[in-house]
C-alpha atoms as a PDB file:
ATOM      1  CA  MET A   1      -0.521   3.945   1.343  1.00  0.00           C
ATOM      2  CA  THR A   2      -2.970   4.575   4.537  1.00  0.00           C
ATOM      3  CA  THR A   3      -6.166   2.722   3.009  1.00  0.00           C
ATOM      4  CA  LYS A   4      -7.224  -0.580   4.316  1.00  0.00           C
ATOM      5  CA  ASN A   5      -5.825  -2.767   1.869  1.00  0.00           C
ATOM      6  CA  PRO A   6      -2.857  -0.358   0.445  1.00  0.00           C
ATOM      7  CA  PRO A   7      -0.188  -1.774  -2.348  1.00  0.00           C
ATOM      8  CA  ASN A   8       2.952  -3.247  -0.894  1.00  0.00           C
ATOM      9  CA  LEU A   9       5.951  -0.505  -1.802  1.00  0.00           C
ATOM     10  CA  TRP A  10       9.550  -1.689  -1.551  1.00  0.00           C
ATOM     11  CA  THR A  11      12.200   0.914  -2.345  1.00  0.00           C
ATOM     12  CA  VAL A  12      15.680   0.857  -2.748  1.00  0.00           C
ATOM     13  CA  ILE A  13      17.413   4.550  -2.053  1.00  0.00           C
ATOM     14  CA  HIS A  14      21.179   4.863  -3.068  1.00  0.00           C
ATOM     15  CA  GLU A  15      22.733   6.374   0.151  1.00  0.00           C
ATOM     16  CA  SER A  16      24.039   9.384  -2.347  1.00  0.00           C
ATOM     17  CA  SER A  17      20.315  10.335  -2.664  1.00  0.00           C
ATOM     18  CA  LEU A  18      20.050  10.505   1.027  1.00  0.00           C
ATOM     19  CA  LYS A  19      23.165  12.730   1.322  1.00  0.00           C
ATOM     20  CA  HIS A  20      22.903  14.720  -1.850  1.00  0.00           C
ATOM     21  CA  VAL A  21      21.420  18.469  -1.006  1.00  0.00           C
ATOM     22  CA  ASP A  22      19.100  20.342  -3.091  1.00  0.00           C
ATOM     23  CA  GLY A  23      16.850  22.954  -1.694  1.00  0.00           C
ATOM     24  CA  SER A  24      17.126  24.612   1.684  1.00  0.00           C
ATOM     25  CA  ARG A  25      18.117  22.849   5.137  1.00  0.00           C
ATOM     26  CA  ALA A  26      14.069  23.226   5.624  1.00  0.00           C
ATOM     27  CA  ASP A  27      13.271  21.572   2.328  1.00  0.00           C
ATOM     28  CA  MET A  28      15.613  18.604   2.736  1.00  0.00           C
ATOM     29  CA  THR A  29      14.697  17.695   6.620  1.00  0.00           C
ATOM     30  CA  GLY A  30      11.067  17.626   5.326  1.00  0.00           C
ATOM     31  CA  GLN A  31      11.756  15.389   2.660  1.00  0.00           C
ATOM     32  CA  LEU A  32      13.664  13.137   4.755  1.00  0.00           C
ATOM     33  CA  GLU A  33      11.108  13.214   7.802  1.00  0.00           C
ATOM     34  CA  ARG A  34       8.846  12.284   4.965  1.00  0.00           C
ATOM     35  CA  ALA A  35      10.348   9.789   3.751  1.00  0.00           C
ATOM     36  CA  LEU A  36      10.813   7.849   7.237  1.00  0.00           C
ATOM     37  CA  ASP A  37       7.278   8.520   7.869  1.00  0.00           C
ATOM     38  CA  THR A  38       6.224   6.662   4.589  1.00  0.00           C
ATOM     39  CA  ALA A  39       8.994   4.169   5.896  1.00  0.00           C
ATOM     40  CA  ARG A  40       7.160   3.442   8.916  1.00  0.00           C
ATOM     41  CA  LEU A  41       3.952   2.201   7.143  1.00  0.00           C
ATOM     42  CA  ARG A  42       3.244  -1.174   7.346  1.00  0.00           C
ATOM     43  CA  SER A  43       3.026  -1.777   3.622  1.00  0.00           C
ATOM     44  CA  VAL A  44       5.964  -0.125   2.667  1.00  0.00           C
ATOM     45  CA  THR A  45       9.606  -1.196   2.688  1.00  0.00           C
ATOM     46  CA  VAL A  46      12.697   0.883   2.145  1.00  0.00           C
ATOM     47  CA  GLN A  47      16.329   0.081   1.722  1.00  0.00           C
ATOM     48  CA  SER A  48      19.207   2.231   1.275  1.00  0.00           C
ATOM     49  CA  LEU A  49      22.273   0.876  -1.220  1.00  0.00           C
ATOM     50  CA  PRO A  50      25.889   2.143   0.330  1.00  0.00           C
ATOM     51  CA  HIS A  51      28.540   3.710  -1.304  1.00  0.00           C
ATOM     52  CA  ASN A  52      30.634   0.828  -0.736  1.00  0.00           C
ATOM     53  CA  VAL A  53      28.700  -2.225  -2.571  1.00  0.00           C
ATOM     54  CA  GLY A  54      30.739  -0.898  -5.567  1.00  0.00           C
ATOM     55  CA  ALA A  55      29.527  -0.952  -9.277  1.00  0.00           C
ATOM     56  CA  THR A  56      25.971  -2.199  -9.751  1.00  0.00           C
ATOM     57  CA  ARG A  57      24.290  -4.045 -11.933  1.00  0.00           C
ATOM     58  CA  PRO A  58      22.920  -1.795 -15.140  1.00  0.00           C
ATOM     59  CA  GLN A  59      19.003  -2.752 -14.152  1.00  0.00           C
ATOM     60  CA  ALA A  60      19.986  -1.124 -10.931  1.00  0.00           C
ATOM     61  CA  CYS A  61      20.872   2.215 -12.749  1.00  0.00           C
ATOM     62  CA  SER A  62      18.083   2.470 -15.113  1.00  0.00           C
ATOM     63  CA  PRO A  63      14.220   2.890 -14.629  1.00  0.00           C
ATOM     64  CA  PHE A  64      12.279   0.011 -14.275  1.00  0.00           C
ATOM     65  CA  SER A  65       8.837  -1.401 -13.563  1.00  0.00           C
ATOM     66  CA  THR A  66       8.156  -4.623 -12.534  1.00  0.00           C
ATOM     67  CA  PHE A  67       4.233  -5.751 -11.665  1.00  0.00           C
ATOM     68  CA  ARG A  68       3.843  -8.940  -9.756  1.00  0.00           C
ATOM     69  CA  SER A  69       0.173  -8.848  -9.089  1.00  0.00           C
ATOM     70  CA  ARG A  70      -2.500  -6.828  -8.213  1.00  0.00           C
ATOM     71  CA  ARG A  71      -1.403  -5.752  -4.638  1.00  0.00           C
ATOM     72  CA  THR A  72       2.525  -5.735  -5.509  1.00  0.00           C
ATOM     73  CA  LEU A  73       3.766  -3.139  -7.755  1.00  0.00           C
ATOM     74  CA  THR A  74       7.749  -2.403  -8.336  1.00  0.00           C
ATOM     75  CA  TRP A  75       8.876   0.670  -9.558  1.00  0.00           C
ATOM     76  CA  MET A  76      11.994   2.201 -10.005  1.00  0.00           C
ATOM     77  CA  SER A  77      13.276   5.725 -11.604  1.00  0.00           C
ATOM     78  CA  ASN A  78      16.413   7.634 -11.146  1.00  0.00           C
END
């Protein structure tokens, strides 16, 4: 993601994933800091899906991959 011409990454993270504690406080802090550092890269878009959106479409809750071009890759896994 830090090469001269990196692929574009667009990810949607459910709010509960950001709040779920798994590991020590230091582990969680490190993971969130890494996510923020990655989100700051010019080729990366990170969005959060809030709890209050209600039920989501089944496609949003199941793993899927979309390859649109040589430079754009969309992949999701729960």
